[in-house]
Amino acid sequence: MNHKKLYSIYLLPTLLQIIFFAAIAGLFKKAGFELGYHSFLGMLLIVLAGISSALWGVIYQKNCHGKSPLEILKEFFDVRQPMQVYLFVIAFLVIDFGAVIIGNGFRIGSIWLPFLFFLKALVFGGIEEIGWRYSFQPDLEKKFSYALATIITFICWGVWHILFFYIDGSLTSVDLPSFLLGLLTNSFILSALFVYSKSLWICAMTHALINALSQISVNDSGIDSIMLKVVCICFALVLVYAVRKKRQKIPASEAKHAKEFEESNETLHVYDEKNEVDN
């Protein structure tokens, strides 16, 4: 894998696109234009900036892995995953939101509200996974360890989010230390799930669930929440280590069977040659 392509075709264009629209947003704000989710111009900038990671993820996959947009779309909605993968998703979510569950709980005004938040988060958040977990980090892990690749992805993803928050106007209201801790935790959760499942849908769905649950959570920034996020990160590291260790044994086993098959073929070939000589 040529890592220069990873940076030149994915990372650099993704960041340049959102920087460009952040600069445009800054000029409009200075000129007195109202931006954000309540204006057409604001929504236009949010969408054009927000699709950057997905857009360049698709372009990267097309150029470097030969995957068409239709193939990626099918993987994005491929819900047919093993039950144990969904159980790991639930486990991560229970740990991540454990402080909310045992504390003040979730604020649910309507039974349809979490579902609507999920659909919105899938469109506005889940598509980010096409870039960060589906394209960027897996190829980054070919050069760096899982933990280091996750931290590098977190830093790039964090810069991307801060620029996005500036564009949508929420930067001044974001508690950055708390947000960045959550983002670091999510980076480990999502990347571990991708290592385990190799599923774009699982990452997109989990991302959307985290965003949706965060919107209806009631105060999860205490010390217990921080401790549980550390547990999540440790859980992710253990899961990846276990998966990689298990998969390392498979090639050795397959190589052994292949060698035995090759030896049996050679024996058969020698036997055939002997018969031909005798005849």
Protein backbone atom coordinates (compact mmCIF):
# COMPACT_ATOMS: atom_id res chain seq x y z
CA MET A 1 0.00 0.00 0.00
CA ASN A 2 1.37 3.40 -1.06
CA HIS A 3 0.70 5.62 1.96
CA LYS A 4 1.30 8.75 -0.11
CA LYS A 5 -1.98 7.94 -1.89
CA LEU A 6 -3.75 7.60 1.46
CA TYR A 7 -2.72 11.13 2.34
CA SER A 8 -2.95 12.72 -1.12
CA ILE A 9 -6.22 11.11 -2.28
CA TYR A 10 -8.07 10.92 1.04
CA LEU A 11 -6.74 12.86 4.03
CA LEU A 12 -5.49 16.05 2.39
CA PRO A 13 -8.55 16.60 0.11
CA THR A 14 -10.92 15.83 3.01
CA LEU A 15 -9.31 18.43 5.26
CA LEU A 16 -8.84 20.97 2.46
CA GLN A 17 -12.52 20.74 1.51
CA ILE A 18 -13.76 21.41 5.03
CA ILE A 19 -11.12 24.15 5.56
CA PHE A 20 -12.29 25.81 2.34
CA PHE A 21 -15.94 25.86 3.43
CA ALA A 22 -14.95 26.97 6.95
CA ALA A 23 -13.17 29.94 5.35
CA ILE A 24 -16.25 30.67 3.21
CA ALA A 25 -18.44 30.48 6.33
CA GLY A 26 -16.09 32.89 8.11
CA LEU A 27 -16.37 35.41 5.28
CA PHE A 28 -20.17 35.19 5.27
CA LYS A 29 -20.30 35.58 9.06
CA LYS A 30 -18.07 38.63 8.85
CA ALA A 31 -20.37 40.07 6.21
CA GLY A 32 -23.32 39.66 8.56
CA PHE A 33 -25.02 36.64 6.98
CA GLU A 34 -27.00 34.32 9.23
CA LEU A 35 -25.69 30.77 8.96
CA GLY A 36 -26.36 27.49 10.77
CA TYR A 37 -29.23 25.04 10.44
CA HIS A 38 -31.90 27.74 10.17
CA SER A 39 -30.76 29.30 6.90
CA PHE A 40 -30.51 27.89 3.39
CA LEU A 41 -26.96 29.20 2.95
CA GLY A 42 -25.92 27.75 6.30
CA MET A 43 -27.39 24.33 5.46
CA LEU A 44 -25.67 24.40 2.06
CA LEU A 45 -22.28 25.00 3.68
CA ILE A 46 -22.95 22.35 6.33
CA VAL A 47 -23.82 19.73 3.72
CA LEU A 48 -20.91 20.59 1.40
CA ALA A 49 -18.47 20.45 4.31
CA GLY A 50 -20.08 17.45 6.00
CA ILE A 51 -19.85 15.14 2.98
CA SER A 52 -16.10 15.67 2.59
CA SER A 53 -14.95 12.53 4.45
CA ALA A 54 -17.51 10.32 2.70
CA LEU A 55 -16.89 11.84 -0.74
CA TRP A 56 -13.13 11.41 -0.64
CA GLY A 57 -13.53 8.00 0.97
CA VAL A 58 -15.51 6.88 -2.07
CA ILE A 59 -12.93 8.41 -4.43
CA TYR A 60 -10.09 6.74 -2.51
CA GLN A 61 -11.81 3.35 -2.59
CA LYS A 62 -12.40 3.71 -6.34
CA ASN A 63 -8.80 4.67 -7.09
CA CYS A 64 -6.92 2.44 -4.65
CA HIS A 65 -9.17 -0.56 -4.06
CA GLY A 66 -11.25 -0.67 -7.23
CA LYS A 67 -14.60 -0.42 -5.42
CA SER A 68 -17.49 1.29 -7.18
CA PRO A 69 -19.86 3.69 -5.39
CA LEU A 70 -22.63 1.10 -5.78
CA GLU A 71 -20.53 -1.54 -3.99
CA ILE A 72 -19.85 0.88 -1.15
CA LEU A 73 -23.56 1.76 -0.95
CA LYS A 74 -24.44 -1.93 -0.66
CA GLU A 75 -21.90 -2.37 2.14
CA PHE A 76 -23.25 0.74 3.88
CA PHE A 77 -26.69 -0.88 4.18
CA ASP A 78 -25.57 -4.49 4.59
CA VAL A 79 -27.46 -5.23 7.81
CA ARG A 80 -26.98 -9.01 7.50
CA GLN A 81 -24.19 -9.35 10.03
CA PRO A 82 -23.55 -12.14 12.56
CA MET A 83 -25.49 -11.79 15.81
CA GLN A 84 -22.28 -11.66 17.88
CA VAL A 85 -21.27 -8.47 16.08
CA TYR A 86 -24.50 -6.77 17.17
CA LEU A 87 -23.93 -8.08 20.70
CA PHE A 88 -20.52 -6.38 20.77
CA VAL A 89 -22.18 -3.14 19.59
CA ILE A 90 -24.68 -3.39 22.46
CA ALA A 91 -21.87 -4.13 24.94
CA PHE A 92 -19.89 -1.07 23.85
CA LEU A 93 -22.99 1.15 24.03
CA VAL A 94 -23.96 -0.10 27.49
CA ILE A 95 -20.46 0.63 28.81
CA ASP A 96 -20.16 3.98 27.01
CA PHE A 97 -23.55 5.20 28.26
CA GLY A 98 -23.37 3.36 31.57
CA ALA A 99 -23.21 6.61 33.56
CA VAL A 100 -26.39 7.81 31.89
CA ILE A 101 -28.17 4.48 32.41
CA ILE A 102 -27.42 4.35 36.15
CA GLY A 103 -27.78 8.12 36.58
CA ASN A 104 -30.37 10.50 35.20
CA GLY A 105 -31.19 8.34 32.20
CA PHE A 106 -32.36 9.46 28.79
CA ARG A 107 -34.71 12.32 27.97
CA ILE A 108 -37.28 10.84 25.58
CA GLY A 109 -40.15 13.19 24.72
CA SER A 110 -41.70 10.87 22.15
CA ILE A 111 -41.26 7.20 21.30
CA TRP A 112 -40.40 8.25 17.74
CA LEU A 113 -37.77 10.79 18.76
CA PRO A 114 -34.81 8.37 19.20
CA PHE A 115 -35.66 6.74 15.85
CA LEU A 116 -35.74 10.12 14.08
CA PHE A 117 -32.46 11.12 15.74
CA PHE A 118 -30.96 7.82 14.55
CA LEU A 119 -32.00 8.40 10.92
CA LYS A 120 -30.66 11.94 11.03
CA ALA A 121 -27.39 10.75 12.60
CA LEU A 122 -27.04 7.98 9.99
CA VAL A 123 -27.19 10.57 7.19
CA PHE A 124 -25.20 13.34 8.86
CA GLY A 125 -22.81 11.20 10.93
CA GLY A 126 -22.81 7.61 9.74
CA ILE A 127 -21.55 8.51 6.29
CA GLU A 128 -18.33 9.79 7.87
CA GLU A 129 -17.40 6.14 8.42
CA ILE A 130 -16.92 5.67 4.65
CA GLY A 131 -13.87 7.85 5.07
CA TRP A 132 -12.42 7.41 8.54
CA ARG A 133 -12.98 3.75 9.50
CA TYR A 134 -13.65 2.15 6.11
CA SER A 135 -10.87 3.84 4.12
CA PHE A 136 -8.37 5.78 6.21
CA GLN A 137 -7.62 3.76 9.34
CA PRO A 138 -7.47 0.23 7.83
CA ASP A 139 -4.77 1.32 5.39
CA LEU A 140 -3.06 3.38 8.10
CA GLU A 141 -2.80 0.19 10.17
CA LYS A 142 -0.64 -1.35 7.43
CA LYS A 143 2.11 1.01 8.56
CA PHE A 144 1.30 1.70 12.22
CA SER A 145 0.01 -0.33 15.15
CA TYR A 146 -3.73 -0.39 15.82
CA ALA A 147 -3.47 1.91 18.85
CA LEU A 148 -1.27 4.47 17.09
CA ALA A 149 -3.41 4.38 13.93
CA THR A 150 -6.51 4.99 16.08
CA ILE A 151 -4.90 7.99 17.79
CA ILE A 152 -3.79 9.47 14.43
CA THR A 153 -7.33 8.98 13.09
CA PHE A 154 -8.73 10.59 16.24
CA ILE A 155 -6.52 13.68 15.78
CA CYS A 156 -7.49 14.10 12.12
CA TRP A 157 -11.15 13.40 12.90
CA GLY A 158 -11.01 15.87 15.79
CA VAL A 159 -9.62 18.67 13.58
CA TRP A 160 -12.35 17.86 11.04
CA HIS A 161 -15.05 18.12 13.72
CA ILE A 162 -13.80 21.42 15.13
CA LEU A 163 -13.91 22.93 11.64
CA PHE A 164 -17.39 21.48 11.13
CA PHE A 165 -18.60 22.95 14.44
CA TYR A 166 -17.31 26.35 13.32
CA ILE A 167 -19.33 26.05 10.10
CA ASP A 168 -22.58 24.96 11.79
CA GLY A 169 -22.17 27.58 14.52
CA SER A 170 -22.00 25.25 17.53
CA LEU A 171 -18.29 25.62 18.33
CA THR A 172 -18.81 28.17 21.12
CA SER A 173 -21.31 25.91 22.91
CA VAL A 174 -19.23 22.71 22.71
CA ASP A 175 -17.39 21.53 25.83
CA LEU A 176 -14.20 20.64 23.94
CA PRO A 177 -12.41 18.54 26.63
CA SER A 178 -15.52 16.41 27.18
CA PHE A 179 -16.19 16.20 23.45
CA LEU A 180 -12.62 15.18 22.60
CA LEU A 181 -12.63 12.47 25.27
CA GLY A 182 -15.86 11.15 23.78
CA LEU A 183 -14.41 11.34 20.28
CA LEU A 184 -11.30 9.43 21.37
CA THR A 185 -13.52 6.76 22.93
CA ASN A 186 -15.64 6.57 19.78
CA SER A 187 -12.50 6.24 17.67
CA PHE A 188 -11.53 3.12 19.61
CA ILE A 189 -15.07 1.71 19.66
CA LEU A 190 -15.70 2.15 15.93
CA SER A 191 -12.26 1.00 14.81
CA ALA A 192 -12.41 -2.10 17.04
CA LEU A 193 -15.82 -2.99 15.63
CA PHE A 194 -14.46 -2.62 12.10
CA VAL A 195 -11.46 -4.83 12.88
CA TYR A 196 -13.84 -7.43 14.29
CA SER A 197 -16.61 -7.27 11.67
CA LYS A 198 -15.05 -5.70 8.54
CA SER A 199 -18.50 -4.13 8.15
CA LEU A 200 -19.12 -0.56 7.03
CA TRP A 201 -22.76 -0.86 8.13
CA ILE A 202 -21.79 -1.79 11.70
CA CYS A 203 -19.57 1.30 11.97
CA ALA A 204 -22.17 3.61 10.41
CA MET A 205 -24.97 2.21 12.56
CA THR A 206 -22.93 2.41 15.78
CA HIS A 207 -21.83 5.97 14.95
CA ALA A 208 -25.47 6.95 14.39
CA LEU A 209 -26.58 5.25 17.63
CA ILE A 210 -23.88 7.05 19.64
CA ASN A 211 -24.91 10.40 18.16
CA ALA A 212 -28.63 9.73 18.71
CA LEU A 213 -28.18 8.54 22.31
CA SER A 214 -25.92 11.53 23.05
CA GLN A 215 -28.72 13.87 21.99
CA ILE A 216 -31.15 12.40 24.51
CA SER A 217 -28.64 11.82 27.34
CA VAL A 218 -28.95 13.72 30.58
CA ASN A 219 -25.57 14.89 31.96
CA ASP A 220 -22.98 12.17 31.39
CA SER A 221 -19.83 14.22 32.06
CA GLY A 222 -19.04 13.06 35.62
CA ILE A 223 -16.08 11.03 36.85
CA ASP A 224 -18.03 7.78 36.44
CA SER A 225 -18.58 8.60 32.77
CA ILE A 226 -14.85 9.25 32.29
CA MET A 227 -13.96 5.96 33.96
CA LEU A 228 -16.41 4.03 31.77
CA LYS A 229 -14.95 5.63 28.64
CA VAL A 230 -11.52 4.40 29.74
CA VAL A 231 -13.08 0.94 30.16
CA CYS A 232 -14.45 1.21 26.59
CA ILE A 233 -10.98 2.00 25.25
CA CYS A 234 -9.45 -0.94 27.15
CA PHE A 235 -12.24 -3.22 25.92
CA ALA A 236 -11.54 -2.12 22.33
CA LEU A 237 -7.81 -2.82 22.71
CA VAL A 238 -8.45 -6.28 24.18
CA LEU A 239 -10.97 -7.12 21.44
CA VAL A 240 -8.59 -6.12 18.65
CA TYR A 241 -5.71 -8.03 20.26
CA ALA A 242 -7.87 -11.16 20.59
CA VAL A 243 -9.17 -10.93 17.02
CA ARG A 244 -5.71 -10.37 15.52
CA LYS A 245 -4.20 -13.19 17.57
CA LYS A 246 -6.94 -15.58 16.46
CA ARG A 247 -6.58 -14.60 12.81
CA GLN A 248 -2.82 -15.04 12.89
CA LYS A 249 -3.34 -18.74 13.63
CA ILE A 250 -5.58 -19.29 10.61
CA PRO A 251 -2.97 -18.67 7.88
CA ALA A 252 -0.53 -21.04 9.61
CA SER A 253 -3.18 -23.76 9.65
CA GLU A 254 -4.10 -23.12 6.03
CA ALA A 255 -0.41 -23.19 5.05
CA LYS A 256 -0.02 -26.57 6.77
CA HIS A 257 -2.99 -28.04 4.86
CA ALA A 258 -1.70 -26.55 1.62
CA LYS A 259 1.73 -28.12 2.20
CA GLU A 260 0.19 -31.53 2.94
CA PHE A 261 -1.96 -31.23 -0.21
CA GLU A 262 1.11 -30.31 -2.27
CA GLU A 263 3.10 -33.25 -0.85
CA SER A 264 0.28 -35.68 -1.62
CA ASN A 265 0.11 -34.36 -5.17
CA GLU A 266 3.87 -34.83 -5.59
CA THR A 267 3.58 -38.41 -4.30
CA LEU A 268 0.76 -39.10 -6.74
CA HIS A 269 2.78 -37.57 -9.58
CA VAL A 270 5.80 -39.80 -8.78
CA TYR A 271 3.52 -42.85 -8.63
CA ASP A 272 2.03 -42.02 -12.04
CA GLU A 273 5.48 -41.56 -13.56
CA LYS A 274 6.59 -44.95 -12.16
CA ASN A 275 3.54 -46.65 -13.66
CA GLU A 276 4.27 -45.09 -17.04
CA VAL A 277 7.86 -46.42 -16.93
CA ASP A 278 6.68 -49.92 -15.94
CA ASN A 279 4.16 -49.97 -18.77
